[in-house]
Amino acid sequence: MSKNLHGKEMDKLMDGILTLRTREEVYKFFEDLCTVNELESINQRFQVAGMLREEKTYMDIAKETGASTATISRVNRALNYGNDAYDMVLNRLAEDKE
């Protein structure tokens, strides 16, 4: 889907993320790491993924999330041709609710 991001420095970042133990630690780390706009964009894409999996229309998703149709399309492409990570996380969250 995109260039290979795997490498020594990216591994270090991912390993660092894996050390976070609580939701509050995750908030603190990502608030330091990302801008508010970056975090809001990430959150929006995650919301879009969930709504696409619920088979909501692009129009409904755009209206509810404020996402552009380009963003919705990009997330849909990741859901259909990506690494299945959205589904993995969404499924785990659903399992945790049971």
N, C-alpha and C. Protein backbone atom coordinates (compact mmCIF):
# COMPACT_ATOMS: atom_id res chain seq x y z
N MET A 1 0.83 -1.20 0.00
CA MET A 1 0.00 0.00 0.00
C MET A 1 0.86 1.25 0.00
N SER A 2 1.91 1.26 0.82
CA SER A 2 2.82 2.39 0.84
C SER A 2 4.23 1.89 1.00
N LYS A 3 5.18 2.82 1.04
CA LYS A 3 6.57 2.39 1.17
C LYS A 3 6.77 1.65 2.49
N ASN A 4 7.77 0.82 2.50
CA ASN A 4 8.07 0.03 3.69
C ASN A 4 8.60 0.95 4.79
N LEU A 5 7.92 1.02 5.89
CA LEU A 5 8.30 1.87 7.01
C LEU A 5 9.18 1.15 8.02
N HIS A 6 9.31 -0.15 7.87
CA HIS A 6 10.07 -0.94 8.85
C HIS A 6 11.54 -0.58 8.80
N GLY A 7 12.10 -0.42 9.95
CA GLY A 7 13.51 -0.12 10.06
C GLY A 7 13.88 0.02 11.52
N LYS A 8 15.16 0.19 11.78
CA LYS A 8 15.67 0.24 13.15
C LYS A 8 15.02 1.34 13.98
N GLU A 9 14.93 2.53 13.44
CA GLU A 9 14.36 3.65 14.21
C GLU A 9 12.85 3.51 14.38
N MET A 10 12.16 3.02 13.34
CA MET A 10 10.72 2.81 13.47
C MET A 10 10.44 1.68 14.47
N ASP A 11 11.29 0.65 14.44
CA ASP A 11 11.15 -0.43 15.43
C ASP A 11 11.27 0.12 16.85
N LYS A 12 12.20 1.05 17.05
CA LYS A 12 12.38 1.65 18.37
C LYS A 12 11.12 2.39 18.81
N LEU A 13 10.52 3.14 17.89
CA LEU A 13 9.26 3.83 18.20
C LEU A 13 8.17 2.83 18.56
N MET A 14 7.99 1.80 17.75
CA MET A 14 6.95 0.80 18.00
C MET A 14 7.20 0.08 19.32
N ASP A 15 8.45 -0.25 19.59
CA ASP A 15 8.79 -0.89 20.87
C ASP A 15 8.48 0.05 22.03
N GLY A 16 8.75 1.33 21.84
CA GLY A 16 8.42 2.31 22.88
C GLY A 16 6.93 2.36 23.16
N ILE A 17 6.14 2.33 22.10
CA ILE A 17 4.68 2.34 22.26
C ILE A 17 4.23 1.11 23.03
N LEU A 18 4.85 -0.02 22.75
CA LEU A 18 4.49 -1.26 23.44
C LEU A 18 4.81 -1.24 24.93
N THR A 19 5.64 -0.29 25.38
CA THR A 19 5.94 -0.20 26.81
C THR A 19 4.86 0.54 27.59
N LEU A 20 3.96 1.22 26.90
CA LEU A 20 2.92 2.01 27.58
C LEU A 20 1.95 1.06 28.27
N ARG A 21 1.61 1.37 29.52
CA ARG A 21 0.85 0.42 30.33
C ARG A 21 -0.60 0.82 30.59
N THR A 22 -0.89 2.10 30.52
CA THR A 22 -2.25 2.55 30.83
C THR A 22 -2.75 3.49 29.74
N ARG A 23 -4.04 3.67 29.71
CA ARG A 23 -4.63 4.63 28.77
C ARG A 23 -4.05 6.02 29.00
N GLU A 24 -3.87 6.39 30.27
CA GLU A 24 -3.32 7.72 30.58
C GLU A 24 -1.90 7.87 30.04
N GLU A 25 -1.08 6.81 30.16
CA GLU A 25 0.27 6.86 29.58
C GLU A 25 0.21 7.02 28.06
N VAL A 26 -0.73 6.33 27.43
CA VAL A 26 -0.88 6.44 25.98
C VAL A 26 -1.27 7.86 25.60
N TYR A 27 -2.24 8.43 26.33
CA TYR A 27 -2.63 9.82 26.08
C TYR A 27 -1.42 10.74 26.19
N LYS A 28 -0.69 10.63 27.29
CA LYS A 28 0.46 11.51 27.52
C LYS A 28 1.49 11.39 26.40
N PHE A 29 1.80 10.16 26.01
CA PHE A 29 2.81 9.94 24.98
C PHE A 29 2.36 10.55 23.65
N PHE A 30 1.13 10.23 23.24
CA PHE A 30 0.67 10.71 21.93
C PHE A 30 0.42 12.21 21.93
N GLU A 31 0.05 12.77 23.07
CA GLU A 31 -0.09 14.23 23.13
C GLU A 31 1.26 14.92 23.00
N ASP A 32 2.32 14.29 23.49
CA ASP A 32 3.66 14.83 23.30
C ASP A 32 4.18 14.57 21.88
N LEU A 33 3.84 13.43 21.33
CA LEU A 33 4.36 13.02 20.03
C LEU A 33 3.67 13.72 18.86
N CYS A 34 2.37 13.89 18.95
CA CYS A 34 1.57 14.38 17.83
C CYS A 34 0.96 15.75 18.14
N THR A 35 0.62 16.46 17.08
CA THR A 35 -0.15 17.68 17.26
C THR A 35 -1.61 17.29 17.52
N VAL A 36 -2.36 18.24 18.01
CA VAL A 36 -3.80 18.01 18.23
C VAL A 36 -4.46 17.62 16.90
N ASN A 37 -4.11 18.32 15.83
CA ASN A 37 -4.71 18.02 14.52
C ASN A 37 -4.35 16.61 14.04
N GLU A 38 -3.11 16.18 14.28
CA GLU A 38 -2.73 14.83 13.89
C GLU A 38 -3.53 13.78 14.66
N LEU A 39 -3.67 13.98 15.95
CA LEU A 39 -4.45 13.04 16.75
C LEU A 39 -5.92 13.03 16.35
N GLU A 40 -6.46 14.20 16.06
CA GLU A 40 -7.85 14.27 15.62
C GLU A 40 -8.02 13.56 14.28
N SER A 41 -7.05 13.69 13.39
CA SER A 41 -7.11 13.00 12.10
C SER A 41 -7.05 11.49 12.26
N ILE A 42 -6.17 11.03 13.14
CA ILE A 42 -6.07 9.60 13.41
C ILE A 42 -7.39 9.09 13.99
N ASN A 43 -7.93 9.82 14.95
CA ASN A 43 -9.20 9.43 15.56
C ASN A 43 -10.32 9.40 14.52
N GLN A 44 -10.34 10.39 13.65
CA GLN A 44 -11.37 10.45 12.62
C GLN A 44 -11.27 9.23 11.69
N ARG A 45 -10.07 8.88 11.28
CA ARG A 45 -9.90 7.71 10.39
C ARG A 45 -10.36 6.43 11.10
N PHE A 46 -10.08 6.32 12.39
CA PHE A 46 -10.51 5.14 13.13
C PHE A 46 -12.03 5.08 13.22
N GLN A 47 -12.66 6.23 13.46
CA GLN A 47 -14.13 6.29 13.46
C GLN A 47 -14.69 5.88 12.10
N VAL A 48 -14.09 6.40 11.05
CA VAL A 48 -14.53 6.08 9.69
C VAL A 48 -14.43 4.57 9.45
N ALA A 49 -13.33 3.96 9.87
CA ALA A 49 -13.15 2.52 9.68
C ALA A 49 -14.28 1.74 10.35
N GLY A 50 -14.60 2.12 11.58
CA GLY A 50 -15.68 1.44 12.29
C GLY A 50 -17.02 1.60 11.58
N MET A 51 -17.27 2.79 11.09
CA MET A 51 -18.54 3.04 10.41
C MET A 51 -18.61 2.33 9.06
N LEU A 52 -17.48 2.25 8.36
CA LEU A 52 -17.47 1.49 7.10
C LEU A 52 -17.74 0.02 7.37
N ARG A 53 -17.19 -0.52 8.46
CA ARG A 53 -17.44 -1.91 8.81
C ARG A 53 -18.90 -2.13 9.19
N GLU A 54 -19.56 -1.08 9.65
CA GLU A 54 -21.00 -1.16 9.94
C GLU A 54 -21.84 -0.92 8.69
N GLU A 55 -21.16 -0.77 7.55
CA GLU A 55 -21.78 -0.57 6.23
C GLU A 55 -22.57 0.72 6.13
N LYS A 56 -22.12 1.76 6.84
CA LYS A 56 -22.74 3.07 6.69
C LYS A 56 -22.29 3.68 5.37
N THR A 57 -23.09 4.56 4.82
CA THR A 57 -22.77 5.18 3.54
C THR A 57 -21.73 6.27 3.72
N TYR A 58 -21.04 6.57 2.63
CA TYR A 58 -20.06 7.66 2.66
C TYR A 58 -20.72 8.94 3.13
N MET A 59 -21.93 9.20 2.65
CA MET A 59 -22.65 10.42 3.01
C MET A 59 -22.91 10.48 4.52
N ASP A 60 -23.38 9.38 5.09
CA ASP A 60 -23.64 9.33 6.53
C ASP A 60 -22.34 9.50 7.33
N ILE A 61 -21.28 8.84 6.86
CA ILE A 61 -20.00 8.93 7.55
C ILE A 61 -19.47 10.35 7.51
N ALA A 62 -19.52 10.97 6.35
CA ALA A 62 -19.04 12.35 6.20
C ALA A 62 -19.83 13.29 7.10
N LYS A 63 -21.14 13.09 7.14
CA LYS A 63 -22.00 13.95 7.95
C LYS A 63 -21.69 13.79 9.44
N GLU A 64 -21.50 12.56 9.89
CA GLU A 64 -21.31 12.30 11.32
C GLU A 64 -19.89 12.63 11.81
N THR A 65 -18.88 12.39 10.94
CA THR A 65 -17.49 12.56 11.38
C THR A 65 -16.85 13.84 10.87
N GLY A 66 -17.41 14.41 9.80
CA GLY A 66 -16.77 15.55 9.17
C GLY A 66 -15.64 15.16 8.23
N ALA A 67 -15.45 13.87 8.02
CA ALA A 67 -14.39 13.39 7.13
C ALA A 67 -14.75 13.68 5.68
N SER A 68 -13.75 13.99 4.90
CA SER A 68 -13.96 14.19 3.47
C SER A 68 -14.17 12.83 2.80
N THR A 69 -14.76 12.85 1.62
CA THR A 69 -14.93 11.59 0.89
C THR A 69 -13.57 11.01 0.51
N ALA A 70 -12.56 11.86 0.32
CA ALA A 70 -11.21 11.36 0.03
C ALA A 70 -10.67 10.57 1.23
N THR A 71 -10.87 11.08 2.43
CA THR A 71 -10.44 10.36 3.64
C THR A 71 -11.19 9.06 3.79
N ILE A 72 -12.49 9.11 3.58
CA ILE A 72 -13.31 7.89 3.69
C ILE A 72 -12.84 6.86 2.68
N SER A 73 -12.57 7.30 1.47
CA SER A 73 -12.09 6.40 0.42
C SER A 73 -10.73 5.80 0.78
N ARG A 74 -9.84 6.61 1.34
CA ARG A 74 -8.52 6.13 1.74
C ARG A 74 -8.64 5.06 2.82
N VAL A 75 -9.52 5.29 3.80
CA VAL A 75 -9.72 4.30 4.86
C VAL A 75 -10.35 3.04 4.28
N ASN A 76 -11.30 3.21 3.38
CA ASN A 76 -11.94 2.05 2.76
C ASN A 76 -10.91 1.22 1.98
N ARG A 77 -10.00 1.89 1.30
CA ARG A 77 -8.94 1.19 0.56
C ARG A 77 -8.06 0.41 1.54
N ALA A 78 -7.73 1.00 2.68
CA ALA A 78 -6.93 0.31 3.69
C ALA A 78 -7.68 -0.90 4.24
N LEU A 79 -8.98 -0.76 4.44
CA LEU A 79 -9.79 -1.88 4.94
C LEU A 79 -9.81 -3.03 3.94
N ASN A 80 -9.87 -2.70 2.67
CA ASN A 80 -10.00 -3.73 1.64
C ASN A 80 -8.67 -4.28 1.14
N TYR A 81 -7.63 -3.47 1.15
CA TYR A 81 -6.37 -3.89 0.54
C TYR A 81 -5.16 -3.70 1.45
N GLY A 82 -5.40 -3.32 2.69
CA GLY A 82 -4.31 -3.05 3.62
C GLY A 82 -3.86 -4.28 4.37
N ASN A 83 -3.39 -4.05 5.57
CA ASN A 83 -2.80 -5.11 6.40
C ASN A 83 -3.79 -5.74 7.38
N ASP A 84 -5.07 -5.42 7.26
CA ASP A 84 -6.13 -5.94 8.14
C ASP A 84 -6.00 -5.46 9.58
N ALA A 85 -5.23 -4.40 9.81
CA ALA A 85 -5.02 -3.92 11.17
C ALA A 85 -6.27 -3.24 11.74
N TYR A 86 -6.99 -2.49 10.91
CA TYR A 86 -8.24 -1.90 11.41
C TYR A 86 -9.16 -3.00 11.92
N ASP A 87 -9.35 -4.05 11.11
CA ASP A 87 -10.23 -5.15 11.52
C ASP A 87 -9.73 -5.83 12.78
N MET A 88 -8.42 -6.03 12.86
CA MET A 88 -7.84 -6.68 14.04
C MET A 88 -8.19 -5.88 15.29
N VAL A 89 -7.98 -4.58 15.26
CA VAL A 89 -8.24 -3.75 16.44
C VAL A 89 -9.73 -3.64 16.71
N LEU A 90 -10.53 -3.42 15.68
CA LEU A 90 -11.98 -3.31 15.87
C LEU A 90 -12.55 -4.61 16.44
N ASN A 91 -12.07 -5.74 15.95
CA ASN A 91 -12.53 -7.04 16.46
C ASN A 91 -12.12 -7.23 17.92
N ARG A 92 -10.91 -6.85 18.26
CA ARG A 92 -10.46 -6.99 19.65
C ARG A 92 -11.28 -6.10 20.59
N LEU A 93 -11.58 -4.90 20.14
CA LEU A 93 -12.41 -4.02 20.96
C LEU A 93 -13.80 -4.61 21.15
N ALA A 94 -14.35 -5.19 20.10
CA ALA A 94 -15.68 -5.82 20.20
C ALA A 94 -15.64 -7.02 21.15
N GLU A 95 -14.56 -7.80 21.10
CA GLU A 95 -14.42 -8.95 21.99
C GLU A 95 -14.33 -8.50 23.45
N ASP A 96 -13.62 -7.40 23.68
CA ASP A 96 -13.46 -6.90 25.04
C ASP A 96 -14.79 -6.43 25.63
N LYS A 97 -15.73 -6.03 24.79
CA LYS A 97 -17.05 -5.57 25.26
C LYS A 97 -17.93 -6.73 25.67
N GLU A 98 -17.62 -7.92 25.17
CA GLU A 98 -18.46 -9.10 25.45
C GLU A 98 -18.24 -9.63 26.84
